[in-house]
């Protein structure tokens, strides 16, 4: 299956940003059948975390920017942000590391989950 994934990265190589502190999300299109992905675009955002404070409206607006993504990969994410994404049917995973490795880990997970749910 094909998926769209938003990735919080400072350099487009490594997943290394907290969801609320990311100023850019790289969007990749991935295929779980052949375990491949390609970069589609990058989306500039305004970080919603200011210290430990969060503006709920800004959090919802950021989730809305990523609403066409099936998944979001980040280094860290809080429960409020996770819930805001889930409201748009976007699932968030904390998978820091090289983008290629983390995307493959996610796709493997998705395929196993699909097998288990099809039983």
C-alpha atoms as a PDB file:
ATOM      1  CA  UNK A   1       0.000   0.000   0.000  1.00  0.00           C
ATOM      2  CA  UNK A   2       1.018   3.576  -0.516  1.00  0.00           C
ATOM      3  CA  UNK A   3       1.293   6.058   2.332  1.00  0.00           C
ATOM      4  CA  UNK A   4       2.162   9.696   2.822  1.00  0.00           C
ATOM      5  CA  UNK A   5       4.492  10.359   5.752  1.00  0.00           C
ATOM      6  CA  UNK A   6       5.440  13.676   7.379  1.00  0.00           C
ATOM      7  CA  UNK A   7       8.944  13.726   8.858  1.00  0.00           C
ATOM      8  CA  UNK A   8      10.299  16.192  11.429  1.00  0.00           C
ATOM      9  CA  UNK A   9      13.920  16.735  10.392  1.00  0.00           C
ATOM     10  CA  UNK A  10      16.360  19.622  10.540  1.00  0.00           C
ATOM     11  CA  UNK A  11      18.329  18.394   7.515  1.00  0.00           C
ATOM     12  CA  UNK A  12      16.189  15.973   5.483  1.00  0.00           C
ATOM     13  CA  UNK A  13      18.451  13.076   6.467  1.00  0.00           C
ATOM     14  CA  UNK A  14      17.725  12.357  10.127  1.00  0.00           C
ATOM     15  CA  UNK A  15      14.527  12.377  12.185  1.00  0.00           C
ATOM     16  CA  UNK A  16      15.717  14.621  14.996  1.00  0.00           C
ATOM     17  CA  UNK A  17      13.002  17.136  15.870  1.00  0.00           C
ATOM     18  CA  UNK A  18      10.262  17.232  18.482  1.00  0.00           C
ATOM     19  CA  UNK A  19       6.861  17.612  16.805  1.00  0.00           C
ATOM     20  CA  UNK A  20       6.121  20.974  18.402  1.00  0.00           C
ATOM     21  CA  UNK A  21       9.571  22.403  17.704  1.00  0.00           C
ATOM     22  CA  UNK A  22       9.803  21.456  14.029  1.00  0.00           C
ATOM     23  CA  UNK A  23       9.924  24.332  11.569  1.00  0.00           C
ATOM     24  CA  UNK A  24       9.797  22.027   8.549  1.00  0.00           C
ATOM     25  CA  UNK A  25       8.276  18.656   7.757  1.00  0.00           C
ATOM     26  CA  UNK A  26       9.579  16.630   4.853  1.00  0.00           C
ATOM     27  CA  UNK A  27       6.795  14.757   3.111  1.00  0.00           C
ATOM     28  CA  UNK A  28       7.599  11.368   1.599  1.00  0.00           C
ATOM     29  CA  UNK A  29       5.461   8.975  -0.377  1.00  0.00           C
ATOM     30  CA  UNK A  30       6.121   5.387   0.655  1.00  0.00           C
ATOM     31  CA  UNK A  31       5.074   1.973  -0.617  1.00  0.00           C
ATOM     32  CA  UNK A  32       4.934  -0.867   1.913  1.00  0.00           C
ATOM     33  CA  UNK A  33       4.818  -3.552  -0.772  1.00  0.00           C
ATOM     34  CA  UNK A  34       8.281  -2.847  -2.168  1.00  0.00           C
ATOM     35  CA  UNK A  35       9.584  -0.943   0.914  1.00  0.00           C
ATOM     36  CA  UNK A  36      10.507   2.168  -1.047  1.00  0.00           C
ATOM     37  CA  UNK A  37       9.896   5.867  -0.587  1.00  0.00           C
ATOM     38  CA  UNK A  38      10.551   9.114  -2.389  1.00  0.00           C
ATOM     39  CA  UNK A  39      10.606  12.709  -1.255  1.00  0.00           C
ATOM     40  CA  UNK A  40       7.612  14.708  -2.361  1.00  0.00           C
ATOM     41  CA  UNK A  41       7.917  18.132  -0.780  1.00  0.00           C
ATOM     42  CA  UNK A  42       8.790  20.054   2.357  1.00  0.00           C
ATOM     43  CA  UNK A  43       6.319  22.116   4.349  1.00  0.00           C
ATOM     44  CA  UNK A  44       7.473  25.085   6.389  1.00  0.00           C
ATOM     45  CA  UNK A  45       5.743  25.428   9.737  1.00  0.00           C
ATOM     46  CA  UNK A  46       5.843  27.696  12.751  1.00  0.00           C
ATOM     47  CA  UNK A  47       6.959  25.783  15.866  1.00  0.00           C
ATOM     48  CA  UNK A  48       4.113  25.579  18.384  1.00  0.00           C
ATOM     49  CA  UNK A  49       6.263  24.786  21.449  1.00  0.00           C
ATOM     50  CA  UNK A  50       7.540  27.775  23.362  1.00  0.00           C
ATOM     51  CA  UNK A  51       9.367  26.200  26.280  1.00  0.00           C
ATOM     52  CA  UNK A  52       6.829  24.000  27.998  1.00  0.00           C
ATOM     53  CA  UNK A  53       3.859  26.079  26.821  1.00  0.00           C
ATOM     54  CA  UNK A  54       1.576  25.114  23.937  1.00  0.00           C
ATOM     55  CA  UNK A  55      -1.068  27.118  22.143  1.00  0.00           C
ATOM     56  CA  UNK A  56      -3.866  24.646  21.426  1.00  0.00           C
ATOM     57  CA  UNK A  57      -5.113  26.545  18.363  1.00  0.00           C
ATOM     58  CA  UNK A  58      -1.602  26.541  16.866  1.00  0.00           C
ATOM     59  CA  UNK A  59      -1.254  22.847  17.650  1.00  0.00           C
ATOM     60  CA  UNK A  60      -4.492  22.097  15.810  1.00  0.00           C
ATOM     61  CA  UNK A  61      -3.369  24.299  12.894  1.00  0.00           C
ATOM     62  CA  UNK A  62      -0.095  22.363  12.642  1.00  0.00           C
ATOM     63  CA  UNK A  63      -1.978  19.056  12.695  1.00  0.00           C
ATOM     64  CA  UNK A  64      -4.167  20.448   9.929  1.00  0.00           C
ATOM     65  CA  UNK A  65      -1.095  21.194   7.771  1.00  0.00           C
ATOM     66  CA  UNK A  66      -0.279  17.477   7.962  1.00  0.00           C
ATOM     67  CA  UNK A  67      -3.848  16.163   7.644  1.00  0.00           C
ATOM     68  CA  UNK A  68      -3.159  14.469   4.300  1.00  0.00           C
ATOM     69  CA  UNK A  69      -0.388  12.377   5.895  1.00  0.00           C
ATOM     70  CA  UNK A  70      -1.119   8.859   7.084  1.00  0.00           C
ATOM     71  CA  UNK A  71       1.807   8.964   9.511  1.00  0.00           C
ATOM     72  CA  UNK A  72       4.151  11.478  11.125  1.00  0.00           C
ATOM     73  CA  UNK A  73       7.644  10.492  12.282  1.00  0.00           C
ATOM     74  CA  UNK A  74       9.306  12.585  14.995  1.00  0.00           C
ATOM     75  CA  UNK A  75      11.967  12.298  17.677  1.00  0.00           C
ATOM     76  CA  UNK A  76       9.426  13.184  20.408  1.00  0.00           C
ATOM     77  CA  UNK A  77       5.741  14.065  20.633  1.00  0.00           C
ATOM     78  CA  UNK A  78       3.395  14.885  23.495  1.00  0.00           C
ATOM     79  CA  UNK A  79      -0.038  13.403  24.029  1.00  0.00           C
ATOM     80  CA  UNK A  80      -1.854  16.612  23.054  1.00  0.00           C
ATOM     81  CA  UNK A  81      -0.086  16.753  19.709  1.00  0.00           C
ATOM     82  CA  UNK A  82      -0.630  13.030  19.172  1.00  0.00           C
ATOM     83  CA  UNK A  83      -4.360  13.524  19.829  1.00  0.00           C
ATOM     84  CA  UNK A  84      -4.539  16.527  17.471  1.00  0.00           C
ATOM     85  CA  UNK A  85      -3.006  14.430  14.683  1.00  0.00           C
ATOM     86  CA  UNK A  86      -5.258  11.462  15.469  1.00  0.00           C
ATOM     87  CA  UNK A  87      -8.256  13.766  15.036  1.00  0.00           C
ATOM     88  CA  UNK A  88      -7.230  13.909  11.370  1.00  0.00           C
ATOM     89  CA  UNK A  89      -6.575  10.131  11.248  1.00  0.00           C
ATOM     90  CA  UNK A  90      -2.813  10.727  11.240  1.00  0.00           C
ATOM     91  CA  UNK A  91      -0.777   8.432  13.489  1.00  0.00           C
ATOM     92  CA  UNK A  92       2.451   9.655  15.083  1.00  0.00           C
ATOM     93  CA  UNK A  93       5.513   7.546  15.875  1.00  0.00           C
ATOM     94  CA  UNK A  94       8.687   8.434  17.741  1.00  0.00           C
ATOM     95  CA  UNK A  95      11.333   6.934  15.450  1.00  0.00           C
ATOM     96  CA  UNK A  96      14.480   9.062  15.674  1.00  0.00           C
ATOM     97  CA  UNK A  97      17.352   8.105  13.394  1.00  0.00           C
ATOM     98  CA  UNK A  98      18.139   8.100   9.700  1.00  0.00           C
ATOM     99  CA  UNK A  99      14.998   8.737   7.659  1.00  0.00           C
ATOM    100  CA  UNK A 100      15.548   5.723   5.406  1.00  0.00           C
ATOM    101  CA  UNK A 101      15.869   3.340   8.365  1.00  0.00           C
ATOM    102  CA  UNK A 102      12.908   4.802  10.247  1.00  0.00           C
ATOM    103  CA  UNK A 103      10.610   4.758   7.209  1.00  0.00           C
ATOM    104  CA  UNK A 104      11.479   1.095   6.570  1.00  0.00           C
ATOM    105  CA  UNK A 105      10.795   0.278  10.228  1.00  0.00           C
ATOM    106  CA  UNK A 106       7.409   1.993   9.973  1.00  0.00           C
ATOM    107  CA  UNK A 107       6.520   0.197   6.731  1.00  0.00           C
ATOM    108  CA  UNK A 108       7.493  -3.166   8.244  1.00  0.00           C
ATOM    109  CA  UNK A 109       5.294  -2.426  11.236  1.00  0.00           C
ATOM    110  CA  UNK A 110       2.380  -1.434   8.981  1.00  0.00           C
ATOM    111  CA  UNK A 111       2.664  -4.659   6.971  1.00  0.00           C
ATOM    112  CA  UNK A 112       2.781  -6.838  10.114  1.00  0.00           C
ATOM    113  CA  UNK A 113      -0.168  -4.972  11.606  1.00  0.00           C
ATOM    114  CA  UNK A 114      -2.102  -5.460   8.373  1.00  0.00           C
ATOM    115  CA  UNK A 115      -1.396  -9.213   8.432  1.00  0.00           C
ATOM    116  CA  UNK A 116      -2.525  -9.502  12.048  1.00  0.00           C
ATOM    117  CA  UNK A 117      -5.712  -7.507  11.462  1.00  0.00           C
ATOM    118  CA  UNK A 118      -6.636  -9.519   8.360  1.00  0.00           C
ATOM    119  CA  UNK A 119      -6.873 -12.743  10.363  1.00  0.00           C
END
